[in-house]
Amino acid sequence: MTRQELRSSGSLALIFALRMLGLFLVLPVFALEARNYAGGDDPAMVGLALGMYGLTQAVFQLPLGLASDRFGRKKVIVLGLLVFAAGSLMAALADSLMGLVWGRALQGAGAVSAAVTALLADLTRETVRTKAMAMVGGSIALMFSLALVLSPLLAGWVGLAGIFWITLALTVAGIVAVVAIVPPEPRRHTSLPRGRFADLLHYPDLLRLNAGVFVLHTVQMAMWVAVPALLVQAGLAKAAHWQVYLPAVLLSFAALGRLFAMERKGQLRTALLLAIVLILLVQAGLGALTLSGDAPSLWPLGAAMLVFFIGFNMLEATQPSLVSRMAPDSLRGAALGAYNTLQSLGLFAGGFLGGLLSRHGGMAGVFGATAVLCVFWLVITWPLQPIGREAVKNT
């Protein structure tokens, strides 16, 4: 990677990290802290407040992705972060659960993931784009692990409102990074024709990748309904769960070197399918563990988390990279908008379905369903041919 590409990748990964850290800090403590708000005794409303972010994000990802194609990436990113900051402020000032619902909804309306990944694609060559996307994906995974450590501590010190104030501060830092650190974007966007969502339907492999990211994040969110309970059964206190998550995330980064080697050899499709198989094996293994009826031990659970994060990080690097390569320039923002829309819907669907399946089918039902989803994902992804944009436009 050139110095310019390293600057672009590092600065945009920083923006993702600042934004996602604020979001992840809320997740481990939201359900408990929300009980202190008026209306917080209603579990359905608590779930709505937590999931509302994913719903509004799904609604706005595609329009903002299209807007970034038309008006420029950085303008849309700054606008989205300002909206996200306003939502964080509303949530910080809320004195009722309904106030949290509206604050989370406004946070989600600042959906900049598509514009950020599109700008990253604009500023990097195809030969190094997977590395750039891996920096973003790795920053997200690292922020998730960091949040698991910090969230309970911060909640005890400053409460849920204080965490939203911290989120606001992190978002302002992200806006400063966009303006002061991210390199100027290419000027060609303003002269491009407006992309249409319907045009994306002509690219079957883009549809496969969209379905893939939906399944990936549905599986991810459904897992977290059951995995914490398994760790508790294995004798690990809730406050110590990071001792499993953090080493698994850090060790999983070592596998990305193998991914880059496969990319240089033209084996990106193989890497993608291998990562899906890894996710499938984890779901099947955890399902078998819950069906056995025996109390789980920490070592198998830690190994499962390591394998999961290896597959997850590989997919977070390869899938958006492939979307950016296989979409025409005039549709890149729209394609990444659709991709991130399905990602957001997957987050919402995983949380909702995970809770529903856990209630009616137990943890075995959760992992059985996620394993079936992974099989479906593997089947629909198998025909994918990860070719470059020029080849796609000529098909």
Protein backbone atom coordinates (compact mmCIF):
# COMPACT_ATOMS: atom_id res chain seq x y z
CA MET A 1 0.00 0.00 0.00
CA THR A 2 1.20 3.51 -0.80
CA ARG A 3 1.52 6.18 1.87
CA GLN A 4 -1.68 7.78 0.58
CA GLU A 5 -3.55 4.47 0.74
CA LEU A 6 -2.31 3.83 4.28
CA ARG A 7 -3.49 7.31 5.31
CA SER A 8 -6.87 6.78 3.65
CA SER A 9 -7.37 3.33 5.15
CA GLY A 10 -6.17 4.32 8.61
CA SER A 11 -8.24 7.49 8.81
CA LEU A 12 -11.44 5.87 7.57
CA ALA A 13 -10.90 2.89 9.89
CA LEU A 14 -10.53 5.45 12.70
CA ILE A 15 -13.90 6.99 11.79
CA PHE A 16 -15.53 3.57 11.85
CA ALA A 17 -13.82 2.75 15.15
CA LEU A 18 -14.92 5.96 16.90
CA ARG A 19 -18.51 5.52 15.75
CA MET A 20 -18.73 1.81 16.47
CA LEU A 21 -17.11 2.11 19.91
CA GLY A 22 -19.89 4.47 20.93
CA LEU A 23 -22.50 2.03 19.66
CA PHE A 24 -20.91 -1.06 21.19
CA LEU A 25 -20.48 0.58 24.61
CA VAL A 26 -24.27 0.69 24.91
CA LEU A 27 -25.04 -2.92 23.99
CA PRO A 28 -23.77 -4.90 27.04
CA VAL A 29 -25.52 -2.68 29.59
CA PHE A 30 -28.55 -1.24 27.80
CA ALA A 31 -31.12 -3.79 28.95
CA LEU A 32 -30.11 -3.41 32.59
CA GLU A 33 -29.65 0.37 32.65
CA ALA A 34 -32.89 1.05 30.74
CA ARG A 35 -34.85 -0.22 33.76
CA ASN A 36 -33.97 3.04 35.52
CA TYR A 37 -35.97 5.07 32.98
CA ALA A 38 -39.71 5.73 32.99
CA GLY A 39 -41.30 2.84 31.10
CA GLY A 40 -38.19 0.69 31.48
CA ASP A 41 -40.15 -2.13 33.10
CA ASP A 42 -41.55 -3.15 29.69
CA PRO A 43 -39.16 -5.68 28.06
CA ALA A 44 -40.78 -5.21 24.65
CA MET A 45 -40.11 -1.48 24.73
CA VAL A 46 -36.55 -2.05 25.90
CA GLY A 47 -36.04 -4.36 22.93
CA LEU A 48 -37.57 -1.78 20.62
CA ALA A 49 -35.23 0.93 21.94
CA LEU A 50 -32.22 -1.32 21.44
CA GLY A 51 -33.22 -2.49 17.96
CA MET A 52 -34.53 0.82 16.63
CA TYR A 53 -31.04 1.86 15.59
CA GLY A 54 -30.79 -1.06 13.17
CA LEU A 55 -34.19 -0.35 11.64
CA THR A 56 -33.61 3.32 10.86
CA GLN A 57 -30.07 2.59 9.70
CA ALA A 58 -31.45 0.06 7.24
CA VAL A 59 -33.88 2.69 5.91
CA PHE A 60 -31.21 5.35 5.35
CA GLN A 61 -28.20 3.33 4.17
CA LEU A 62 -29.28 3.12 0.55
CA PRO A 63 -30.46 6.76 0.14
CA LEU A 64 -27.24 8.07 1.67
CA GLY A 65 -25.19 5.70 -0.47
CA LEU A 66 -26.93 7.02 -3.58
CA ALA A 67 -26.43 10.58 -2.35
CA SER A 68 -22.70 9.97 -1.95
CA ASP A 69 -22.55 8.91 -5.61
CA ARG A 70 -24.22 12.15 -6.61
CA PHE A 71 -22.98 14.82 -4.18
CA GLY A 72 -19.68 13.44 -2.87
CA ARG A 73 -18.66 11.04 -0.12
CA LYS A 74 -17.24 13.40 2.49
CA LYS A 75 -20.26 15.72 2.49
CA VAL A 76 -22.57 12.78 3.13
CA ILE A 77 -20.28 11.35 5.81
CA VAL A 78 -20.15 14.64 7.72
CA LEU A 79 -23.93 15.06 7.42
CA GLY A 80 -24.54 11.51 8.65
CA LEU A 81 -22.19 11.93 11.61
CA LEU A 82 -23.95 15.18 12.57
CA VAL A 83 -27.28 13.33 12.57
CA PHE A 84 -25.74 10.51 14.62
CA ALA A 85 -24.37 13.10 17.08
CA ALA A 86 -27.83 14.67 17.39
CA GLY A 87 -29.29 11.25 18.19
CA SER A 88 -26.61 10.65 20.82
CA LEU A 89 -27.44 14.02 22.39
CA MET A 90 -31.16 13.20 22.42
CA ALA A 91 -30.50 9.84 24.09
CA ALA A 92 -28.13 11.43 26.65
CA LEU A 93 -30.84 13.93 27.65
CA ALA A 94 -33.68 11.38 27.67
CA ASP A 95 -35.55 10.79 30.92
CA SER A 96 -37.87 8.06 29.62
CA LEU A 97 -37.62 4.90 27.57
CA MET A 98 -39.51 6.57 24.73
CA GLY A 99 -36.85 9.28 24.68
CA LEU A 100 -34.24 6.55 24.25
CA VAL A 101 -36.28 5.08 21.39
CA TRP A 102 -36.27 8.41 19.54
CA GLY A 103 -32.61 8.98 20.27
CA ARG A 104 -31.65 5.54 18.96
CA ALA A 105 -33.83 6.10 15.90
CA LEU A 106 -32.04 9.37 15.13
CA GLN A 107 -28.67 7.73 15.64
CA GLY A 108 -29.57 5.12 13.05
CA ALA A 109 -30.63 7.81 10.56
CA GLY A 110 -26.98 8.89 10.41
CA ALA A 111 -26.13 5.84 8.31
CA VAL A 112 -22.68 6.55 6.86
CA SER A 113 -21.26 3.03 6.48
CA ALA A 114 -21.96 2.89 2.74
CA ALA A 115 -20.43 6.31 2.08
CA VAL A 116 -17.34 5.51 4.18
CA THR A 117 -16.69 2.17 2.48
CA ALA A 118 -17.36 3.71 -0.94
CA LEU A 119 -14.81 6.46 -0.20
CA LEU A 120 -12.31 3.83 0.96
CA ALA A 121 -12.83 2.02 -2.35
CA ASP A 122 -12.33 5.29 -4.25
CA LEU A 123 -9.02 5.99 -2.50
CA THR A 124 -7.45 2.52 -2.83
CA ARG A 125 -6.42 0.30 -5.72
CA GLU A 126 -8.21 -2.99 -6.27
CA THR A 127 -5.01 -4.92 -5.54
CA VAL A 128 -4.86 -3.63 -1.96
CA ARG A 129 -8.54 -3.01 -1.29
CA THR A 130 -9.09 -6.18 0.73
CA LYS A 131 -6.27 -5.07 3.06
CA ALA A 132 -7.97 -1.68 3.41
CA MET A 133 -11.32 -3.29 4.16
CA ALA A 134 -9.58 -5.61 6.63
CA MET A 135 -8.30 -2.56 8.53
CA VAL A 136 -11.89 -1.33 8.83
CA GLY A 137 -13.24 -4.77 9.77
CA GLY A 138 -10.44 -5.28 12.27
CA SER A 139 -11.09 -1.91 13.89
CA ILE A 140 -14.76 -2.87 14.33
CA ALA A 141 -13.88 -6.22 15.91
CA LEU A 142 -11.35 -4.56 18.20
CA MET A 143 -13.86 -1.90 19.29
CA PHE A 144 -16.36 -4.64 20.08
CA SER A 145 -13.90 -6.35 22.39
CA LEU A 146 -12.85 -3.05 23.97
CA ALA A 147 -16.49 -2.17 24.61
CA LEU A 148 -17.06 -5.46 26.42
CA VAL A 149 -14.29 -4.48 28.84
CA LEU A 150 -15.16 -0.79 29.28
CA SER A 151 -18.95 -0.82 29.18
CA PRO A 152 -19.69 -2.26 32.65
CA LEU A 153 -17.08 0.05 34.19
CA LEU A 154 -18.42 3.17 32.47
CA ALA A 155 -22.02 2.27 33.30
CA GLY A 156 -21.06 2.11 36.96
CA TRP A 157 -19.32 5.49 36.82
CA VAL A 158 -21.50 7.62 34.55
CA GLY A 159 -24.61 5.55 33.83
CA LEU A 160 -26.29 5.05 30.46
CA ALA A 161 -26.68 8.80 29.91
CA GLY A 162 -22.95 9.23 30.42
CA ILE A 163 -22.21 6.56 27.83
CA PHE A 164 -24.32 8.49 25.31
CA TRP A 165 -22.36 11.66 26.16
CA ILE A 166 -19.16 9.71 25.46
CA THR A 167 -20.68 8.53 22.18
CA LEU A 168 -21.39 12.16 21.26
CA ALA A 169 -17.78 13.11 21.98
CA LEU A 170 -16.46 10.20 19.90
CA THR A 171 -18.71 11.24 17.00
CA VAL A 172 -17.43 14.82 17.10
CA ALA A 173 -13.89 13.41 16.97
CA GLY A 174 -14.95 11.41 13.91
CA ILE A 175 -16.19 14.57 12.16
CA VAL A 176 -12.85 16.26 12.87
CA ALA A 177 -11.07 13.24 11.38
CA VAL A 178 -13.15 13.43 8.18
CA VAL A 179 -12.33 17.10 7.71
CA ALA A 180 -8.71 17.15 8.84
CA ILE A 181 -7.22 13.70 8.21
CA VAL A 182 -9.06 11.88 5.39
CA PRO A 183 -7.44 12.69 2.01
CA PRO A 184 -9.49 14.60 -0.58
CA GLU A 185 -11.86 12.40 -2.54
CA PRO A 186 -11.70 12.03 -6.33
CA ARG A 187 -13.67 14.73 -8.12
CA ARG A 188 -15.29 12.47 -10.69
CA HIS A 189 -18.46 11.73 -8.66
CA THR A 190 -20.31 14.97 -9.41
CA SER A 191 -20.22 14.28 -13.16
CA LEU A 192 -21.44 10.69 -12.93
CA PRO A 193 -25.04 9.78 -13.77
CA ARG A 194 -27.29 9.08 -10.81
CA GLY A 195 -27.30 5.38 -9.98
CA ARG A 196 -30.64 3.63 -9.54
CA PHE A 197 -31.40 0.84 -7.13
CA ALA A 198 -33.08 -1.14 -9.92
CA ASP A 199 -29.77 -1.24 -11.80
CA LEU A 200 -28.28 -3.35 -9.01
CA LEU A 201 -30.68 -6.19 -9.86
CA HIS A 202 -28.70 -6.83 -13.06
CA TYR A 203 -25.72 -8.09 -11.03
CA PRO A 204 -26.50 -11.54 -9.51
CA ASP A 205 -23.20 -11.73 -7.65
CA LEU A 206 -23.95 -8.45 -5.87
CA LEU A 207 -27.25 -9.97 -4.77
CA ARG A 208 -25.37 -13.02 -3.45
CA LEU A 209 -23.05 -10.78 -1.43
CA ASN A 210 -26.01 -8.83 -0.06
CA ALA A 211 -27.70 -12.05 1.04
CA GLY A 212 -24.40 -13.14 2.57
CA VAL A 213 -23.95 -10.07 4.76
CA PHE A 214 -27.56 -10.38 5.92
CA VAL A 215 -26.98 -13.98 7.02
CA LEU A 216 -23.60 -13.17 8.59
CA HIS A 217 -25.00 -10.47 10.87
CA THR A 218 -28.20 -12.38 11.60
CA VAL A 219 -26.03 -15.27 12.79
CA GLN A 220 -23.72 -12.94 14.71
CA MET A 221 -26.50 -11.24 16.66
CA ALA A 222 -28.39 -14.49 17.29
CA MET A 223 -25.19 -16.02 18.69
CA TRP A 224 -24.83 -13.32 21.33
CA VAL A 225 -28.23 -14.26 22.70
CA ALA A 226 -26.85 -17.68 23.65
CA VAL A 227 -23.05 -17.47 23.94
CA PRO A 228 -22.99 -15.34 27.14
CA ALA A 229 -25.23 -17.90 28.84
CA LEU A 230 -22.87 -20.69 27.78
CA LEU A 231 -19.91 -18.82 29.25
CA VAL A 232 -21.82 -18.39 32.53
CA GLN A 233 -22.59 -22.12 32.55
CA ALA A 234 -18.87 -22.75 32.07
CA GLY A 235 -18.20 -20.83 35.30
CA LEU A 236 -17.10 -17.46 33.89
CA ALA A 237 -18.71 -14.42 35.53
CA LYS A 238 -20.41 -11.90 33.23
CA ALA A 239 -17.87 -9.21 34.02
CA ALA A 240 -15.06 -11.53 32.89
CA HIS A 241 -16.43 -12.56 29.48
CA TRP A 242 -13.98 -10.23 27.79
CA GLN A 243 -11.25 -12.64 28.87
CA VAL A 244 -12.57 -15.00 26.18
CA TYR A 245 -13.62 -12.46 23.56
CA LEU A 246 -10.53 -10.24 23.53
CA PRO A 247 -7.87 -12.98 23.04
CA ALA A 248 -10.05 -14.60 20.38
CA VAL A 249 -10.32 -11.34 18.44
CA LEU A 250 -6.62 -10.52 18.72
CA LEU A 251 -5.49 -14.02 17.71
CA SER A 252 -7.92 -14.03 14.78
CA PHE A 253 -6.06 -11.11 13.19
CA ALA A 254 -3.13 -13.42 12.50
CA ALA A 255 -5.29 -15.35 10.03
CA LEU A 256 -5.73 -12.26 7.86
CA GLY A 257 -2.20 -12.71 6.56
CA ARG A 258 -3.32 -15.98 4.99
CA LEU A 259 -6.30 -14.18 3.46
CA PHE A 260 -4.05 -11.61 1.79
CA ALA A 261 -1.83 -14.40 0.43
CA MET A 262 -4.88 -16.13 -1.07
CA GLU A 263 -5.98 -12.84 -2.63
CA ARG A 264 -2.58 -12.37 -4.31
CA LYS A 265 -2.94 -15.87 -5.77
CA GLY A 266 -6.40 -15.10 -7.15
CA GLN A 267 -8.11 -17.33 -4.57
CA LEU A 268 -10.51 -14.78 -3.10
CA ARG A 269 -13.57 -16.93 -3.88
CA THR A 270 -11.94 -19.85 -2.05
CA ALA A 271 -11.23 -17.60 0.94
CA LEU A 272 -14.83 -16.41 0.99
CA LEU A 273 -16.24 -19.94 0.91
CA LEU A 274 -13.72 -21.10 3.53
CA ALA A 275 -14.82 -18.33 5.88
CA ILE A 276 -18.48 -19.33 5.47
CA VAL A 277 -17.57 -22.93 6.28
CA LEU A 278 -15.80 -21.77 9.45
CA ILE A 279 -18.89 -19.88 10.59
CA LEU A 280 -21.01 -22.97 9.81
CA LEU A 281 -18.70 -25.27 11.80
CA VAL A 282 -18.94 -22.98 14.83
CA GLN A 283 -22.75 -22.99 14.73
CA ALA A 284 -22.88 -26.77 14.32
CA GLY A 285 -20.32 -27.30 17.09
CA LEU A 286 -22.11 -25.03 19.56
CA GLY A 287 -25.41 -26.69 18.66
CA ALA A 288 -23.94 -30.12 19.39
CA LEU A 289 -22.52 -28.79 22.66
CA THR A 290 -25.92 -27.56 23.84
CA LEU A 291 -27.65 -30.80 22.80
CA SER A 292 -25.22 -32.92 24.83
CA GLY A 293 -26.70 -31.65 28.09
CA ASP A 294 -23.28 -31.46 29.74
CA ALA A 295 -21.98 -28.24 31.26
CA PRO A 296 -19.62 -26.65 28.72
CA SER A 297 -15.98 -25.95 29.50
CA LEU A 298 -14.17 -22.74 28.68
CA TRP A 299 -11.56 -24.16 26.30
CA PRO A 300 -14.02 -25.44 23.65
CA LEU A 301 -15.98 -22.19 23.90
CA GLY A 302 -12.80 -20.14 23.55
CA ALA A 303 -11.77 -22.20 20.51
CA ALA A 304 -15.21 -21.70 18.97
CA MET A 305 -14.94 -17.94 19.47
CA LEU A 306 -11.50 -17.92 17.85
CA VAL A 307 -12.72 -19.83 14.79
CA PHE A 308 -15.78 -17.59 14.58
CA PHE A 309 -13.75 -14.38 14.63
CA ILE A 310 -11.33 -15.77 12.02
CA GLY A 311 -14.26 -16.39 9.68
CA PHE A 312 -15.98 -13.14 10.64
CA ASN A 313 -12.90 -10.97 10.05
CA MET A 314 -12.21 -12.65 6.71
CA LEU A 315 -15.78 -11.99 5.60
CA GLU A 316 -15.74 -8.39 6.86
CA ALA A 317 -12.67 -7.85 4.67
CA THR A 318 -13.62 -9.77 1.54
CA GLN A 319 -17.35 -9.07 1.09
CA PRO A 320 -17.34 -5.24 0.97
CA SER A 321 -14.14 -5.37 -1.09
CA LEU A 322 -15.88 -7.58 -3.64
CA VAL A 323 -18.95 -5.32 -3.71
CA SER A 324 -16.76 -2.29 -4.44
CA ARG A 325 -14.92 -4.18 -7.21
CA MET A 326 -17.96 -5.67 -8.90
CA ALA A 327 -20.17 -2.57 -8.97
CA PRO A 328 -19.78 0.01 -11.75
CA ASP A 329 -18.35 3.35 -10.65
CA SER A 330 -21.71 5.11 -11.01
CA LEU A 331 -23.35 2.50 -8.75
CA ARG A 332 -20.64 1.96 -6.16
CA GLY A 333 -22.30 4.05 -3.46
CA ALA A 334 -25.69 2.51 -4.25
CA ALA A 335 -24.23 -1.01 -4.17
CA LEU A 336 -22.54 -0.43 -0.83
CA GLY A 337 -25.71 1.25 0.39
CA ALA A 338 -27.72 -1.87 -0.44
CA TYR A 339 -25.02 -4.02 1.14
CA ASN A 340 -25.05 -2.02 4.37
CA THR A 341 -28.86 -1.96 4.38
CA LEU A 342 -28.91 -5.77 4.40
CA GLN A 343 -26.22 -5.73 7.08
CA SER A 344 -28.39 -3.51 9.30
CA LEU A 345 -31.46 -5.65 8.69
CA GLY A 346 -29.40 -8.69 9.65
CA LEU A 347 -28.46 -7.07 12.96
CA PHE A 348 -32.11 -6.42 13.72
CA ALA A 349 -33.29 -9.83 12.51
CA GLY A 350 -30.58 -11.66 14.47
CA GLY A 351 -31.46 -10.00 17.75
CA PHE A 352 -35.17 -10.53 17.26
CA LEU A 353 -34.96 -14.12 15.99
CA GLY A 354 -32.30 -15.07 18.53
CA GLY A 355 -34.53 -14.00 21.40
CA LEU A 356 -37.57 -15.67 19.89
CA LEU A 357 -35.78 -18.95 19.18
CA SER A 358 -34.14 -18.95 22.59
CA ARG A 359 -37.53 -18.59 24.26
CA HIS A 360 -39.20 -21.40 22.33
CA GLY A 361 -36.36 -23.73 21.34
CA GLY A 362 -33.58 -23.02 23.80
CA MET A 363 -29.95 -22.52 22.83
CA ALA A 364 -30.03 -25.64 20.68
CA GLY A 365 -32.81 -24.04 18.65
CA VAL A 366 -30.74 -20.89 18.16
CA PHE A 367 -27.66 -22.71 16.90
CA GLY A 368 -29.71 -25.14 14.82
CA ALA A 369 -31.34 -22.24 13.01
CA THR A 370 -28.05 -20.39 12.49
CA ALA A 371 -26.44 -23.56 11.12
CA VAL A 372 -29.28 -23.95 8.60
CA LEU A 373 -28.86 -20.32 7.58
CA CYS A 374 -25.14 -20.90 7.01
CA VAL A 375 -25.85 -23.92 4.78
CA PHE A 376 -28.25 -21.78 2.73
CA TRP A 377 -25.59 -19.05 2.56
CA LEU A 378 -22.94 -21.49 1.35
CA VAL A 379 -25.24 -22.82 -1.38
CA ILE A 380 -26.20 -19.42 -2.81
CA THR A 381 -22.61 -18.13 -2.64
CA TRP A 382 -21.04 -21.14 -4.36
CA PRO A 383 -21.61 -19.85 -7.96
CA LEU A 384 -20.07 -16.43 -7.20
CA GLN A 385 -17.21 -15.38 -9.44
CA PRO A 386 -15.23 -12.49 -7.88
CA ILE A 387 -14.16 -10.66 -11.03
CA GLY A 388 -13.23 -7.03 -11.48
CA ARG A 389 -15.56 -4.18 -12.33
CA GLU A 390 -14.59 -3.94 -16.01
CA ALA A 391 -15.38 -7.61 -16.54
CA VAL A 392 -18.71 -7.22 -14.77
CA LYS A 393 -19.71 -4.30 -16.98
CA ASN A 394 -19.04 -6.40 -20.08
CA THR A 395 -21.16 -9.37 -18.96
